[in-house]
Amino acid sequence: MPLLPTLSTFFIVLSAVLVAIGWVLIVKNKRSSHRKVMIAAAISALTFFIIYLSRTIFVGNTSFGGPDDIKIFYTIFLIFHIFLATVGAVFGLVTLTFAFKRKIKKHRKIGPVTSIIWFCTAVTGVAVYMLLYIIYDGGTTTSMIKAILGT
């Protein structure tokens, strides 16, 4: 198992688990604990992003090394995951901003949507990791654009 992809996947899963814990805490009206756990979730997601970005810049991304007949399905799935991750990150920043600015009505409205998007992002992220490094041998490590396009 490659170190950086495994580590970054761990942090994205950790962030989703922390979001789930934060959700349970707010349902139980434990606001202080909710705040702390959600900040930890955001830090975990940021740690993922720093590791992922560093690896992308300094090492590159790994292309799909599985069978050619499913490469198109992997590519579509990867694009879906990237879209989810981007939307989830934007929603996450907006949700955190509402919380820190004490715009609680808006935070309560967008928070559950953000959480669901983030859970889907984490699940699809693990699936991408599994397809790239566990189920199939990784392809060549190259720039992100080449990995996405499969060239």
C-alpha atoms as a PDB file:
ATOM      1  CA  MET A   1       0.000   0.000   0.000  1.00  0.00           C
ATOM      2  CA  PRO A   2       1.449   3.356  -0.971  1.00  0.00           C
ATOM      3  CA  LEU A   3       2.000   5.641   2.020  1.00  0.00           C
ATOM      4  CA  LEU A   4       0.648   9.020   0.891  1.00  0.00           C
ATOM      5  CA  PRO A   5      -2.563   7.798  -0.799  1.00  0.00           C
ATOM      6  CA  THR A   6      -3.271   5.539   2.184  1.00  0.00           C
ATOM      7  CA  LEU A   7      -2.641   8.380   4.622  1.00  0.00           C
ATOM      8  CA  SER A   8      -4.781  10.854   2.698  1.00  0.00           C
ATOM      9  CA  THR A   9      -7.617   8.307   2.414  1.00  0.00           C
ATOM     10  CA  PHE A  10      -7.418   7.743   6.172  1.00  0.00           C
ATOM     11  CA  PHE A  11      -7.893  11.462   6.811  1.00  0.00           C
ATOM     12  CA  ILE A  12     -10.885  11.796   4.493  1.00  0.00           C
ATOM     13  CA  VAL A  13     -12.559   8.819   6.163  1.00  0.00           C
ATOM     14  CA  LEU A  14     -11.707  10.260   9.583  1.00  0.00           C
ATOM     15  CA  SER A  15     -13.314  13.558   8.593  1.00  0.00           C
ATOM     16  CA  ALA A  16     -16.528  11.762   7.565  1.00  0.00           C
ATOM     17  CA  VAL A  17     -16.603   9.771  10.816  1.00  0.00           C
ATOM     18  CA  LEU A  18     -16.120  12.983  12.787  1.00  0.00           C
ATOM     19  CA  VAL A  19     -18.941  14.664  10.832  1.00  0.00           C
ATOM     20  CA  ALA A  20     -21.201  11.729  11.747  1.00  0.00           C
ATOM     21  CA  ILE A  21     -20.213  12.063  15.415  1.00  0.00           C
ATOM     22  CA  GLY A  22     -20.822  15.809  15.208  1.00  0.00           C
ATOM     23  CA  TRP A  23     -24.275  15.179  13.791  1.00  0.00           C
ATOM     24  CA  VAL A  24     -25.133  12.859  16.708  1.00  0.00           C
ATOM     25  CA  LEU A  25     -23.822  15.420  19.184  1.00  0.00           C
ATOM     26  CA  ILE A  26     -25.941  18.263  17.817  1.00  0.00           C
ATOM     27  CA  VAL A  27     -29.038  16.041  17.838  1.00  0.00           C
ATOM     28  CA  LYS A  28     -28.309  15.496  21.535  1.00  0.00           C
ATOM     29  CA  ASN A  29     -27.968  19.298  21.906  1.00  0.00           C
ATOM     30  CA  LYS A  30     -24.299  19.052  22.927  1.00  0.00           C
ATOM     31  CA  ARG A  31     -23.279  22.237  21.121  1.00  0.00           C
ATOM     32  CA  SER A  32     -19.806  22.656  22.584  1.00  0.00           C
ATOM     33  CA  SER A  33     -18.828  19.064  21.794  1.00  0.00           C
ATOM     34  CA  HIS A  34     -20.437  19.396  18.325  1.00  0.00           C
ATOM     35  CA  ARG A  35     -18.319  22.484  17.624  1.00  0.00           C
ATOM     36  CA  LYS A  36     -15.080  20.784  18.705  1.00  0.00           C
ATOM     37  CA  VAL A  37     -15.748  17.620  16.718  1.00  0.00           C
ATOM     38  CA  MET A  38     -16.740  19.539  13.594  1.00  0.00           C
ATOM     39  CA  ILE A  39     -13.573  21.651  13.810  1.00  0.00           C
ATOM     40  CA  ALA A  40     -11.601  18.394  14.105  1.00  0.00           C
ATOM     41  CA  ALA A  41     -13.469  17.105  11.027  1.00  0.00           C
ATOM     42  CA  ALA A  42     -12.523  20.248   9.113  1.00  0.00           C
ATOM     43  CA  ILE A  43      -8.885  19.904  10.188  1.00  0.00           C
ATOM     44  CA  SER A  44      -8.917  16.265   9.092  1.00  0.00           C
ATOM     45  CA  ALA A  45     -10.356  17.233   5.692  1.00  0.00           C
ATOM     46  CA  LEU A  46      -7.744  19.988   5.367  1.00  0.00           C
ATOM     47  CA  THR A  47      -5.001  17.493   6.260  1.00  0.00           C
ATOM     48  CA  PHE A  48      -6.295  15.216   3.495  1.00  0.00           C
ATOM     49  CA  PHE A  49      -6.218  18.112   1.048  1.00  0.00           C
ATOM     50  CA  ILE A  50      -2.662  19.146   1.989  1.00  0.00           C
ATOM     51  CA  ILE A  51      -1.385  15.570   1.576  1.00  0.00           C
ATOM     52  CA  TYR A  52      -3.294  15.115  -1.697  1.00  0.00           C
ATOM     53  CA  LEU A  53      -2.150  18.453  -3.122  1.00  0.00           C
ATOM     54  CA  SER A  54       1.468  17.877  -2.077  1.00  0.00           C
ATOM     55  CA  ARG A  55       1.486  14.449  -3.672  1.00  0.00           C
ATOM     56  CA  THR A  56      -0.135  15.815  -6.840  1.00  0.00           C
ATOM     57  CA  ILE A  57       2.412  18.605  -7.123  1.00  0.00           C
ATOM     58  CA  PHE A  58       5.546  16.685  -6.197  1.00  0.00           C
ATOM     59  CA  VAL A  59       4.801  13.105  -7.291  1.00  0.00           C
ATOM     60  CA  GLY A  60       1.817  13.245  -9.623  1.00  0.00           C
ATOM     61  CA  ASN A  61      -1.322  11.145  -9.766  1.00  0.00           C
ATOM     62  CA  THR A  62      -1.658   7.461 -10.509  1.00  0.00           C
ATOM     63  CA  SER A  63      -3.664   6.449 -13.558  1.00  0.00           C
ATOM     64  CA  PHE A  64      -6.053   3.520 -13.525  1.00  0.00           C
ATOM     65  CA  GLY A  65      -4.177   0.250 -13.989  1.00  0.00           C
ATOM     66  CA  GLY A  66      -7.166  -2.057 -14.263  1.00  0.00           C
ATOM     67  CA  PRO A  67      -8.603  -3.687 -17.373  1.00  0.00           C
ATOM     68  CA  ASP A  68      -9.196  -1.476 -20.401  1.00  0.00           C
ATOM     69  CA  ASP A  69     -12.825  -2.596 -20.709  1.00  0.00           C
ATOM     70  CA  ILE A  70     -13.752  -0.941 -17.400  1.00  0.00           C
ATOM     71  CA  LYS A  71     -11.453   2.084 -17.673  1.00  0.00           C
ATOM     72  CA  ILE A  72     -14.294   4.269 -19.011  1.00  0.00           C
ATOM     73  CA  PHE A  73     -16.481   3.377 -16.014  1.00  0.00           C
ATOM     74  CA  TYR A  74     -13.634   4.170 -13.634  1.00  0.00           C
ATOM     75  CA  THR A  75     -13.047   7.492 -15.385  1.00  0.00           C
ATOM     76  CA  ILE A  76     -16.722   8.476 -15.141  1.00  0.00           C
ATOM     77  CA  PHE A  77     -16.738   7.440 -11.478  1.00  0.00           C
ATOM     78  CA  LEU A  78     -13.553   9.449 -10.826  1.00  0.00           C
ATOM     79  CA  ILE A  79     -15.032  12.560 -12.449  1.00  0.00           C
ATOM     80  CA  PHE A  80     -18.176  12.099 -10.307  1.00  0.00           C
ATOM     81  CA  HIS A  81     -15.981  11.799  -7.194  1.00  0.00           C
ATOM     82  CA  ILE A  82     -13.997  14.933  -8.093  1.00  0.00           C
ATOM     83  CA  PHE A  83     -17.253  16.834  -8.676  1.00  0.00           C
ATOM     84  CA  LEU A  84     -18.639  15.637  -5.312  1.00  0.00           C
ATOM     85  CA  ALA A  85     -15.402  16.532  -3.522  1.00  0.00           C
ATOM     86  CA  THR A  86     -15.371  20.013  -5.021  1.00  0.00           C
ATOM     87  CA  VAL A  87     -19.031  20.661  -4.187  1.00  0.00           C
ATOM     88  CA  GLY A  88     -18.519  19.166  -0.710  1.00  0.00           C
ATOM     89  CA  ALA A  89     -15.512  21.380  -0.044  1.00  0.00           C
ATOM     90  CA  VAL A  90     -17.388  24.521  -1.096  1.00  0.00           C
ATOM     91  CA  PHE A  91     -20.429  23.537   0.965  1.00  0.00           C
ATOM     92  CA  GLY A  92     -18.119  22.736   3.881  1.00  0.00           C
ATOM     93  CA  LEU A  93     -16.493  26.157   3.775  1.00  0.00           C
ATOM     94  CA  VAL A  94     -19.885  27.879   3.566  1.00  0.00           C
ATOM     95  CA  THR A  95     -21.271  25.768   6.425  1.00  0.00           C
ATOM     96  CA  LEU A  96     -18.249  26.512   8.619  1.00  0.00           C
ATOM     97  CA  THR A  97     -18.455  30.209   7.772  1.00  0.00           C
ATOM     98  CA  PHE A  98     -22.115  30.318   8.807  1.00  0.00           C
ATOM     99  CA  ALA A  99     -21.243  28.581  12.080  1.00  0.00           C
ATOM    100  CA  PHE A 100     -18.332  30.874  12.921  1.00  0.00           C
ATOM    101  CA  LYS A 101     -20.346  33.984  12.030  1.00  0.00           C
ATOM    102  CA  ARG A 102     -23.142  32.670  14.276  1.00  0.00           C
ATOM    103  CA  LYS A 103     -25.643  32.529  11.402  1.00  0.00           C
ATOM    104  CA  ILE A 104     -27.142  29.458  13.004  1.00  0.00           C
ATOM    105  CA  LYS A 105     -30.394  29.310  10.991  1.00  0.00           C
ATOM    106  CA  LYS A 106     -28.426  29.157   7.750  1.00  0.00           C
ATOM    107  CA  HIS A 107     -25.910  26.753   9.304  1.00  0.00           C
ATOM    108  CA  ARG A 108     -28.701  24.403  10.408  1.00  0.00           C
ATOM    109  CA  LYS A 109     -30.262  24.504   6.965  1.00  0.00           C
ATOM    110  CA  ILE A 110     -27.124  23.772   4.939  1.00  0.00           C
ATOM    111  CA  GLY A 111     -25.300  21.547   7.480  1.00  0.00           C
ATOM    112  CA  PRO A 112     -27.229  18.331   6.841  1.00  0.00           C
ATOM    113  CA  VAL A 113     -26.871  18.759   3.061  1.00  0.00           C
ATOM    114  CA  THR A 114     -23.138  19.360   3.465  1.00  0.00           C
ATOM    115  CA  SER A 115     -22.823  16.264   5.655  1.00  0.00           C
ATOM    116  CA  ILE A 116     -24.544  14.015   3.144  1.00  0.00           C
ATOM    117  CA  ILE A 117     -22.379  15.333   0.303  1.00  0.00           C
ATOM    118  CA  TRP A 118     -19.300  14.776   2.463  1.00  0.00           C
ATOM    119  CA  PHE A 119     -20.304  11.196   3.319  1.00  0.00           C
ATOM    120  CA  CYS A 120     -20.736  10.466  -0.398  1.00  0.00           C
ATOM    121  CA  THR A 121     -17.371  12.083  -1.111  1.00  0.00           C
ATOM    122  CA  ALA A 122     -15.657   9.911   1.489  1.00  0.00           C
ATOM    123  CA  VAL A 123     -17.279   6.716   0.210  1.00  0.00           C
ATOM    124  CA  THR A 124     -16.429   7.441  -3.425  1.00  0.00           C
ATOM    125  CA  GLY A 125     -12.918   8.474  -2.357  1.00  0.00           C
ATOM    126  CA  VAL A 126     -12.372   5.119  -0.680  1.00  0.00           C
ATOM    127  CA  ALA A 127     -13.719   3.387  -3.787  1.00  0.00           C
ATOM    128  CA  VAL A 128     -11.253   5.304  -5.995  1.00  0.00           C
ATOM    129  CA  TYR A 129      -8.419   4.384  -3.612  1.00  0.00           C
ATOM    130  CA  MET A 130      -9.467   0.707  -3.646  1.00  0.00           C
ATOM    131  CA  LEU A 131      -9.657   0.637  -7.449  1.00  0.00           C
ATOM    132  CA  LEU A 132      -6.275   2.348  -7.849  1.00  0.00           C
ATOM    133  CA  TYR A 133      -4.205   0.619  -5.193  1.00  0.00           C
ATOM    134  CA  ILE A 134      -5.935  -2.477  -3.777  1.00  0.00           C
ATOM    135  CA  ILE A 135      -8.155  -4.189  -6.359  1.00  0.00           C
ATOM    136  CA  TYR A 136      -5.893  -3.423  -9.319  1.00  0.00           C
ATOM    137  CA  ASP A 137      -2.236  -2.508  -9.542  1.00  0.00           C
ATOM    138  CA  GLY A 138      -1.882   1.211 -10.063  1.00  0.00           C
ATOM    139  CA  GLY A 139      -1.012   2.471 -13.500  1.00  0.00           C
ATOM    140  CA  THR A 140       1.701   4.977 -14.161  1.00  0.00           C
ATOM    141  CA  THR A 141       2.090   7.955 -11.882  1.00  0.00           C
ATOM    142  CA  THR A 142       1.655  11.068 -13.940  1.00  0.00           C
ATOM    143  CA  SER A 143      -0.007  14.475 -13.942  1.00  0.00           C
ATOM    144  CA  MET A 144      -3.620  14.749 -12.826  1.00  0.00           C
ATOM    145  CA  ILE A 145      -4.951  15.592 -16.286  1.00  0.00           C
ATOM    146  CA  LYS A 146      -3.254  12.580 -17.868  1.00  0.00           C
ATOM    147  CA  ALA A 147      -4.552  10.317 -15.068  1.00  0.00           C
ATOM    148  CA  ILE A 148      -8.129  11.524 -15.551  1.00  0.00           C
ATOM    149  CA  LEU A 149      -7.978  11.169 -19.318  1.00  0.00           C
ATOM    150  CA  GLY A 150      -6.209   7.832 -19.064  1.00  0.00           C
ATOM    151  CA  THR A 151      -3.364   8.817 -21.377  1.00  0.00           C
END
